[in-house]
C-alpha atoms as a PDB file:
ATOM      1  CA  GLN A   1     -50.859  27.897  27.444  1.00  0.00           C
ATOM      2  CA  VAL A   2     -48.996  24.767  28.430  1.00  0.00           C
ATOM      3  CA  GLN A   3     -45.241  24.526  28.731  1.00  0.00           C
ATOM      4  CA  LEU A   4     -43.636  21.100  28.377  1.00  0.00           C
ATOM      5  CA  VAL A   5     -40.128  20.143  29.475  1.00  0.00           C
ATOM      6  CA  GLU A   6     -38.682  16.711  28.711  1.00  0.00           C
ATOM      7  CA  SER A   7     -35.905  14.990  30.636  1.00  0.00           C
ATOM      8  CA  GLY A   8     -34.361  11.565  31.017  1.00  0.00           C
ATOM      9  CA  GLY A   9     -32.649  11.117  27.677  1.00  0.00           C
ATOM     10  CA  GLY A  10     -29.096   9.868  27.352  1.00  0.00           C
ATOM     11  CA  LEU A  11     -26.771   7.230  25.973  1.00  0.00           C
ATOM     12  CA  VAL A  12     -27.598   3.579  26.590  1.00  0.00           C
ATOM     13  CA  GLN A  13     -26.451   0.264  25.176  1.00  0.00           C
ATOM     14  CA  ALA A  14     -28.757  -1.881  23.096  1.00  0.00           C
ATOM     15  CA  GLY A  15     -31.042  -3.898  25.340  1.00  0.00           C
ATOM     16  CA  GLY A  16     -31.004  -1.265  28.040  1.00  0.00           C
ATOM     17  CA  SER A  17     -33.764   0.946  29.415  1.00  0.00           C
ATOM     18  CA  LEU A  18     -34.522   4.618  29.869  1.00  0.00           C
ATOM     19  CA  ARG A  19     -37.454   6.499  31.314  1.00  0.00           C
ATOM     20  CA  LEU A  20     -38.353   9.833  29.810  1.00  0.00           C
ATOM     21  CA  SER A  21     -40.355  12.389  31.741  1.00  0.00           C
ATOM     22  CA  CYS A  22     -42.291  15.383  30.512  1.00  0.00           C
ATOM     23  CA  ALA A  23     -43.332  17.953  33.073  1.00  0.00           C
ATOM     24  CA  ALA A  24     -46.114  20.362  32.218  1.00  0.00           C
ATOM     25  CA  SER A  25     -46.839  23.781  33.622  1.00  0.00           C
ATOM     26  CA  GLY A  26     -49.470  26.345  32.871  1.00  0.00           C
ATOM     27  CA  ARG A  27     -53.071  25.382  32.464  1.00  0.00           C
ATOM     28  CA  THR A  28     -54.602  22.334  34.076  1.00  0.00           C
ATOM     29  CA  PHE A  29     -53.171  19.129  32.752  1.00  0.00           C
ATOM     30  CA  ARG A  30     -56.244  17.000  33.183  1.00  0.00           C
ATOM     31  CA  SER A  31     -58.082  17.871  29.992  1.00  0.00           C
ATOM     32  CA  TYR A  32     -55.127  17.223  27.734  1.00  0.00           C
ATOM     33  CA  SER A  33     -54.358  14.180  25.646  1.00  0.00           C
ATOM     34  CA  LEU A  34     -50.621  13.539  25.546  1.00  0.00           C
ATOM     35  CA  GLY A  35     -48.188  11.967  23.166  1.00  0.00           C
ATOM     36  CA  TRP A  36     -44.571  11.113  22.531  1.00  0.00           C
ATOM     37  CA  PHE A  37     -42.942  11.494  19.123  1.00  0.00           C
ATOM     38  CA  ARG A  38     -39.396  11.018  17.905  1.00  0.00           C
ATOM     39  CA  GLN A  39     -37.294  12.415  15.108  1.00  0.00           C
ATOM     40  CA  ALA A  40     -34.062  10.968  13.771  1.00  0.00           C
ATOM     41  CA  PRO A  41     -31.626  13.157  11.786  1.00  0.00           C
ATOM     42  CA  GLY A  42     -32.915  13.853   8.297  1.00  0.00           C
ATOM     43  CA  LYS A  43     -36.227  12.121   8.949  1.00  0.00           C
ATOM     44  CA  GLU A  44     -39.731  13.279   9.722  1.00  0.00           C
ATOM     45  CA  ARG A  45     -41.172  13.333  13.200  1.00  0.00           C
ATOM     46  CA  LYS A  46     -42.917  10.061  13.964  1.00  0.00           C
ATOM     47  CA  PHE A  47     -45.527   8.921  16.448  1.00  0.00           C
ATOM     48  CA  VAL A  48     -44.336   6.762  19.347  1.00  0.00           C
ATOM     49  CA  ALA A  49     -47.114   6.615  21.944  1.00  0.00           C
ATOM     50  CA  ALA A  50     -50.156   8.480  23.204  1.00  0.00           C
ATOM     51  CA  VAL A  51     -52.425   8.468  26.238  1.00  0.00           C
ATOM     52  CA  ASP A  52     -55.877   9.970  26.686  1.00  0.00           C
ATOM     53  CA  TRP A  53     -56.738  12.491  29.381  1.00  0.00           C
ATOM     54  CA  SER A  54     -57.941   9.825  31.801  1.00  0.00           C
ATOM     55  CA  GLY A  55     -54.825   7.696  31.446  1.00  0.00           C
ATOM     56  CA  GLY A  56     -56.937   4.671  30.673  1.00  0.00           C
ATOM     57  CA  TYR A  57     -56.453   4.521  26.917  1.00  0.00           C
ATOM     58  CA  ARG A  58     -53.076   4.169  25.237  1.00  0.00           C
ATOM     59  CA  ASP A  59     -51.850   3.811  21.685  1.00  0.00           C
ATOM     60  CA  TYR A  60     -48.424   2.767  20.419  1.00  0.00           C
ATOM     61  CA  ALA A  61     -46.539   2.665  17.175  1.00  0.00           C
ATOM     62  CA  ASP A  62     -46.024  -0.913  16.002  1.00  0.00           C
ATOM     63  CA  SER A  63     -42.268  -0.485  16.271  1.00  0.00           C
ATOM     64  CA  VAL A  64     -42.409   0.041  20.045  1.00  0.00           C
ATOM     65  CA  LYS A  65     -45.318  -2.163  21.126  1.00  0.00           C
ATOM     66  CA  GLY A  66     -44.315  -4.488  23.924  1.00  0.00           C
ATOM     67  CA  ARG A  67     -41.182  -2.460  24.681  1.00  0.00           C
ATOM     68  CA  PHE A  68     -42.396   1.057  25.546  1.00  0.00           C
ATOM     69  CA  THR A  69     -45.043   2.124  28.042  1.00  0.00           C
ATOM     70  CA  ILE A  70     -46.649   5.542  28.280  1.00  0.00           C
ATOM     71  CA  SER A  71     -48.203   6.695  31.529  1.00  0.00           C
ATOM     72  CA  ARG A  72     -49.322   9.906  33.142  1.00  0.00           C
ATOM     73  CA  ASP A  73     -49.535  11.268  36.655  1.00  0.00           C
ATOM     74  CA  SER A  74     -52.008  14.126  36.537  1.00  0.00           C
ATOM     75  CA  ALA A  75     -51.341  15.039  40.165  1.00  0.00           C
ATOM     76  CA  LYS A  76     -47.720  15.716  39.192  1.00  0.00           C
ATOM     77  CA  ASN A  77     -48.561  17.115  35.751  1.00  0.00           C
ATOM     78  CA  THR A  78     -46.128  14.647  34.258  1.00  0.00           C
ATOM     79  CA  VAL A  79     -46.201  12.098  31.459  1.00  0.00           C
ATOM     80  CA  TYR A  80     -43.662   9.302  31.239  1.00  0.00           C
ATOM     81  CA  LEU A  81     -42.278   7.025  28.565  1.00  0.00           C
ATOM     82  CA  GLN A  82     -40.672   3.870  29.894  1.00  0.00           C
ATOM     83  CA  MET A  83     -38.447   2.406  27.198  1.00  0.00           C
ATOM     84  CA  ASN A  84     -37.150  -1.145  27.550  1.00  0.00           C
ATOM     85  CA  SER A  85     -35.187  -3.436  25.236  1.00  0.00           C
ATOM     86  CA  LEU A  86     -33.858  -0.427  23.402  1.00  0.00           C
ATOM     87  CA  LYS A  87     -32.483  -0.847  19.891  1.00  0.00           C
ATOM     88  CA  PRO A  88     -30.091   1.327  17.871  1.00  0.00           C
ATOM     89  CA  GLU A  89     -33.008   2.266  15.610  1.00  0.00           C
ATOM     90  CA  ASP A  90     -34.676   3.919  18.613  1.00  0.00           C
ATOM     91  CA  THR A  91     -32.000   6.621  18.482  1.00  0.00           C
ATOM     92  CA  ALA A  92     -33.688   9.991  17.992  1.00  0.00           C
ATOM     93  CA  VAL A  93     -34.737  13.200  19.660  1.00  0.00           C
ATOM     94  CA  TYR A  94     -37.883  12.461  21.644  1.00  0.00           C
ATOM     95  CA  TYR A  95     -40.596  15.078  22.018  1.00  0.00           C
ATOM     96  CA  CYS A  96     -43.657  15.155  24.214  1.00  0.00           C
ATOM     97  CA  ALA A  97     -46.784  16.905  23.016  1.00  0.00           C
ATOM     98  CA  ALA A  98     -50.161  17.937  24.387  1.00  0.00           C
ATOM     99  CA  VAL A  99     -53.534  18.792  22.936  1.00  0.00           C
ATOM    100  CA  GLU A 100     -56.583  19.994  24.822  1.00  0.00           C
ATOM    101  CA  THR A 101     -59.577  17.799  24.161  1.00  0.00           C
ATOM    102  CA  VAL A 102     -63.154  17.367  25.308  1.00  0.00           C
ATOM    103  CA  TYR A 103     -63.208  13.752  24.170  1.00  0.00           C
ATOM    104  CA  ALA A 104     -62.570  11.031  26.681  1.00  0.00           C
ATOM    105  CA  SER A 105     -60.827   7.871  25.527  1.00  0.00           C
ATOM    106  CA  ARG A 106     -59.293   9.719  22.604  1.00  0.00           C
ATOM    107  CA  THR A 107     -55.661   9.536  21.590  1.00  0.00           C
ATOM    108  CA  TYR A 108     -53.919  11.329  18.740  1.00  0.00           C
ATOM    109  CA  ASN A 109     -51.068  10.016  16.611  1.00  0.00           C
ATOM    110  CA  ARG A 110     -50.369  12.794  14.111  1.00  0.00           C
ATOM    111  CA  PRO A 111     -48.026  15.688  14.911  1.00  0.00           C
ATOM    112  CA  ASP A 112     -50.445  18.221  13.402  1.00  0.00           C
ATOM    113  CA  GLU A 113     -53.085  17.237  15.956  1.00  0.00           C
ATOM    114  CA  TYR A 114     -51.027  18.616  18.830  1.00  0.00           C
ATOM    115  CA  ASN A 115     -50.897  22.222  20.013  1.00  0.00           C
ATOM    116  CA  TYR A 116     -47.986  22.171  22.427  1.00  0.00           C
ATOM    117  CA  TRP A 117     -44.509  20.681  22.201  1.00  0.00           C
ATOM    118  CA  GLY A 118     -41.503  20.297  24.419  1.00  0.00           C
ATOM    119  CA  GLN A 119     -37.961  21.097  23.339  1.00  0.00           C
ATOM    120  CA  GLY A 120     -36.952  17.450  22.969  1.00  0.00           C
ATOM    121  CA  THR A 121     -34.483  15.133  24.655  1.00  0.00           C
ATOM    122  CA  GLN A 122     -31.830  13.076  22.879  1.00  0.00           C
ATOM    123  CA  VAL A 123     -31.859   9.296  23.159  1.00  0.00           C
ATOM    124  CA  THR A 124     -28.875   7.430  21.728  1.00  0.00           C
ATOM    125  CA  VAL A 125     -28.721   3.649  21.691  1.00  0.00           C
ATOM    126  CA  SER A 126     -25.346   2.111  20.914  1.00  0.00           C
ATOM    127  CA  SER A 127     -24.969  -1.323  19.370  1.00  0.00           C
END
């Protein structure tokens, strides 16, 4: 079992930055591919970014490319999402997710591919 706890959300003006963190506990973190998703009120959960277990391969939704960066620190069992140039349409609850995998260089961008989820952290971007 893996437990995930997000932090770092908050209220920020458009154009500002936030860094989300997701701390994992439980089983070893190293064999897990990790992702960030977001869900706005009344909408489905959508893919934001993912990183493979090595940290060397990353994938991003088109809407955040060039603005968001996903990274992981396996020594700290933590995955980060650096969010720059935030827009009001980035407002949502952000969730981190993990899936155990034997495949290197593999990222996952569908919610149903993930086994473990955090509780979410609210990000609100004001115009």
